[in-house]
Amino acid sequence: MGVERNAGILSIILGLIFIIFPVFSAGLVSMIVGLSLLFFGISAAFMGFNMIRDLGYVGIAAMIIGIISIIFGFLFIFYVDALSFLVGLQFYIVGFIMIIFGITGLLSKMTRFSTFTSILVLLLGIVAIALGIFALNQPIYIAIIIGLVMIIEGITMMLD
């Protein structure tokens, strides 16, 4: 099994865990979002680094998105109490990051699966923002959305 296939399986398993167990507490959800953003950011930064040679600014944009995701990931992990009032805003942050990442993926046009994944991530980003508007008191949806994104990314990694 290749590294991408193993990463895809791990992503699917983690995505399912996020979907099945989202109800623990706002603090745990914040930590889950933080870890998700951290891993998402690391993945985006590495992807952007690999894309710089061929796609220039698109690769740089992906790296910047990755670094921003890593920073927010650490914030949500280590400053749960300080950010507890931002639980509703997590939808917006995650949603905007997903939208930007989806657009970046569409601009890169790497493979058919990558394009499909980018469209799904873009749409889920829009859904995250909509949920932020309507469900400020229900941060559980973030874990579910990120779980869906992780499953989609995992399937894409396994199919590529």
Protein backbone atom coordinates (compact mmCIF):
# COMPACT_ATOMS: atom_id res chain seq x y z
CA MET A 1 0.00 0.00 0.00
CA GLY A 2 1.27 3.43 -0.89
CA VAL A 3 1.50 6.40 1.42
CA GLU A 4 -1.44 8.14 -0.27
CA ARG A 5 -3.64 5.06 0.09
CA ASN A 6 -2.79 4.79 3.80
CA ALA A 7 -3.42 8.50 4.27
CA GLY A 8 -6.73 8.08 2.46
CA ILE A 9 -7.78 5.23 4.74
CA LEU A 10 -6.77 7.24 7.82
CA SER A 11 -8.66 10.27 6.52
CA ILE A 12 -11.81 8.18 5.97
CA ILE A 13 -11.58 6.63 9.45
CA LEU A 14 -11.07 10.01 11.12
CA GLY A 15 -13.90 11.49 9.06
CA LEU A 16 -16.24 8.74 10.23
CA ILE A 17 -15.18 9.28 13.84
CA PHE A 18 -15.94 13.01 13.52
CA ILE A 19 -19.39 12.24 12.11
CA ILE A 20 -20.29 9.50 14.61
CA PHE A 21 -19.07 11.26 17.81
CA PRO A 22 -19.66 15.01 17.42
CA VAL A 23 -21.60 15.64 20.65
CA PHE A 24 -19.00 15.63 23.46
CA SER A 25 -18.68 19.35 24.15
CA ALA A 26 -17.92 22.68 22.54
CA GLY A 27 -14.37 22.41 23.87
CA LEU A 28 -13.84 19.00 22.32
CA VAL A 29 -15.35 20.15 19.04
CA SER A 30 -13.01 23.13 19.12
CA MET A 31 -10.08 20.78 19.62
CA ILE A 32 -11.31 18.51 16.82
CA VAL A 33 -11.65 21.50 14.53
CA GLY A 34 -8.18 22.61 15.56
CA LEU A 35 -6.67 19.21 14.80
CA SER A 36 -8.57 19.03 11.52
CA LEU A 37 -7.36 22.47 10.49
CA LEU A 38 -3.84 21.56 11.56
CA PHE A 39 -3.76 18.40 9.44
CA PHE A 40 -5.62 20.10 6.60
CA GLY A 41 -3.12 22.97 6.77
CA ILE A 42 -0.11 20.65 6.72
CA SER A 43 -1.58 18.83 3.73
CA ALA A 44 -2.38 22.10 1.91
CA ALA A 45 1.08 23.53 2.62
CA PHE A 46 2.82 20.43 1.26
CA MET A 47 0.50 20.34 -1.75
CA GLY A 48 1.20 24.02 -2.41
CA PHE A 49 4.94 23.48 -2.06
CA ASN A 50 4.76 20.68 -4.65
CA MET A 51 2.63 22.83 -6.98
CA ILE A 52 4.89 25.92 -6.96
CA ARG A 53 7.17 24.61 -9.70
CA ASP A 54 4.35 23.93 -12.16
CA LEU A 55 1.62 26.37 -11.16
CA GLY A 56 3.41 29.28 -9.47
CA TYR A 57 0.86 31.52 -7.75
CA VAL A 58 -1.67 28.72 -7.27
CA GLY A 59 0.95 26.78 -5.31
CA ILE A 60 1.83 29.85 -3.26
CA ALA A 61 -1.89 30.42 -2.53
CA ALA A 62 -2.27 26.80 -1.39
CA MET A 63 0.77 27.20 0.88
CA ILE A 64 -0.64 30.41 2.38
CA ILE A 65 -3.99 28.68 2.98
CA GLY A 66 -2.11 25.83 4.62
CA ILE A 67 -0.17 28.15 6.91
CA ILE A 68 -3.32 30.06 7.89
CA SER A 69 -5.08 26.75 8.58
CA ILE A 70 -2.16 25.60 10.75
CA ILE A 71 -2.26 28.85 12.75
CA PHE A 72 -6.02 28.62 13.33
CA GLY A 73 -5.63 24.93 14.12
CA PHE A 74 -3.19 25.69 16.92
CA LEU A 75 -5.43 28.50 18.18
CA PHE A 76 -8.45 26.22 18.42
CA ILE A 77 -6.42 23.44 20.05
CA PHE A 78 -4.57 25.43 22.72
CA TYR A 79 -6.90 28.34 23.42
CA VAL A 80 -10.21 26.54 23.75
CA ASP A 81 -11.35 28.66 26.71
CA ALA A 82 -10.28 31.90 25.08
CA LEU A 83 -12.07 30.98 21.86
CA SER A 84 -15.21 29.47 23.37
CA PHE A 85 -17.17 32.60 22.43
CA LEU A 86 -16.03 32.07 18.83
CA VAL A 87 -17.66 28.67 18.46
CA GLY A 88 -20.22 30.08 16.03
CA LEU A 89 -17.47 31.87 14.13
CA GLN A 90 -15.67 28.57 13.60
CA PHE A 91 -18.21 27.86 10.88
CA TYR A 92 -17.19 31.02 9.07
CA ILE A 93 -13.47 30.43 9.45
CA VAL A 94 -13.66 26.81 8.34
CA GLY A 95 -16.13 27.71 5.57
CA PHE A 96 -13.96 30.48 4.13
CA ILE A 97 -10.84 28.31 4.28
CA MET A 98 -12.68 25.48 2.52
CA ILE A 99 -14.01 27.85 -0.17
CA ILE A 100 -10.57 29.29 -0.84
CA PHE A 101 -9.03 25.81 -0.88
CA GLY A 102 -11.76 24.58 -3.25
CA ILE A 103 -11.19 27.49 -5.63
CA THR A 104 -7.43 26.91 -5.47
CA GLY A 105 -7.97 23.24 -6.32
CA LEU A 106 -10.19 24.17 -9.26
CA LEU A 107 -7.56 26.56 -10.58
CA SER A 108 -4.86 23.88 -10.38
CA LYS A 109 -6.82 21.43 -12.60
CA MET A 110 -4.49 18.58 -11.61
CA THR A 111 -6.73 15.51 -12.12
CA ARG A 112 -10.36 14.71 -12.65
CA PHE A 113 -10.67 13.49 -9.04
CA SER A 114 -8.96 16.62 -7.74
CA THR A 115 -11.45 18.79 -9.63
CA PHE A 116 -14.37 16.78 -8.23
CA THR A 117 -12.94 17.01 -4.71
CA SER A 118 -12.35 20.76 -5.08
CA ILE A 119 -15.97 21.29 -6.11
CA LEU A 120 -17.19 19.27 -3.12
CA VAL A 121 -14.90 21.14 -0.70
CA LEU A 122 -16.10 24.44 -2.19
CA LEU A 123 -19.75 23.43 -1.75
CA LEU A 124 -19.15 22.20 1.80
CA GLY A 125 -17.47 25.52 2.57
CA ILE A 126 -20.61 27.31 1.44
CA VAL A 127 -22.68 24.93 3.58
CA ALA A 128 -20.40 25.66 6.58
CA ILE A 129 -21.01 29.39 6.20
CA ALA A 130 -24.76 28.81 5.87
CA LEU A 131 -24.70 26.69 9.02
CA GLY A 132 -22.78 29.46 10.76
CA ILE A 133 -25.58 31.85 9.96
CA PHE A 134 -28.38 29.54 11.12
CA ALA A 135 -26.75 27.51 13.88
CA LEU A 136 -24.42 29.65 15.96
CA ASN A 137 -25.27 27.59 19.03
CA GLN A 138 -24.64 24.19 17.40
CA PRO A 139 -20.86 23.80 16.82
CA ILE A 140 -21.33 20.05 16.35
CA TYR A 141 -22.01 20.61 12.66
CA ILE A 142 -18.40 21.70 12.11
CA ALA A 143 -17.15 18.26 13.13
CA ILE A 144 -19.65 16.65 10.76
CA ILE A 145 -18.66 18.90 7.85
CA ILE A 146 -14.96 18.35 8.43
CA GLY A 147 -15.67 14.63 8.73
CA LEU A 148 -17.35 14.72 5.32
CA VAL A 149 -14.41 16.64 3.85
CA MET A 150 -11.95 14.12 5.31
CA ILE A 151 -13.94 11.21 3.86
CA ILE A 152 -14.06 12.88 0.43
CA GLU A 153 -10.32 13.64 0.57
CA GLY A 154 -9.62 10.07 1.72
CA ILE A 155 -11.59 8.59 -1.16
CA THR A 156 -9.81 10.90 -3.58
CA MET A 157 -6.40 9.86 -2.21
CA MET A 158 -7.30 6.22 -2.63
CA LEU A 159 -8.58 6.68 -6.20
CA ASP A 160 -5.67 8.77 -7.51
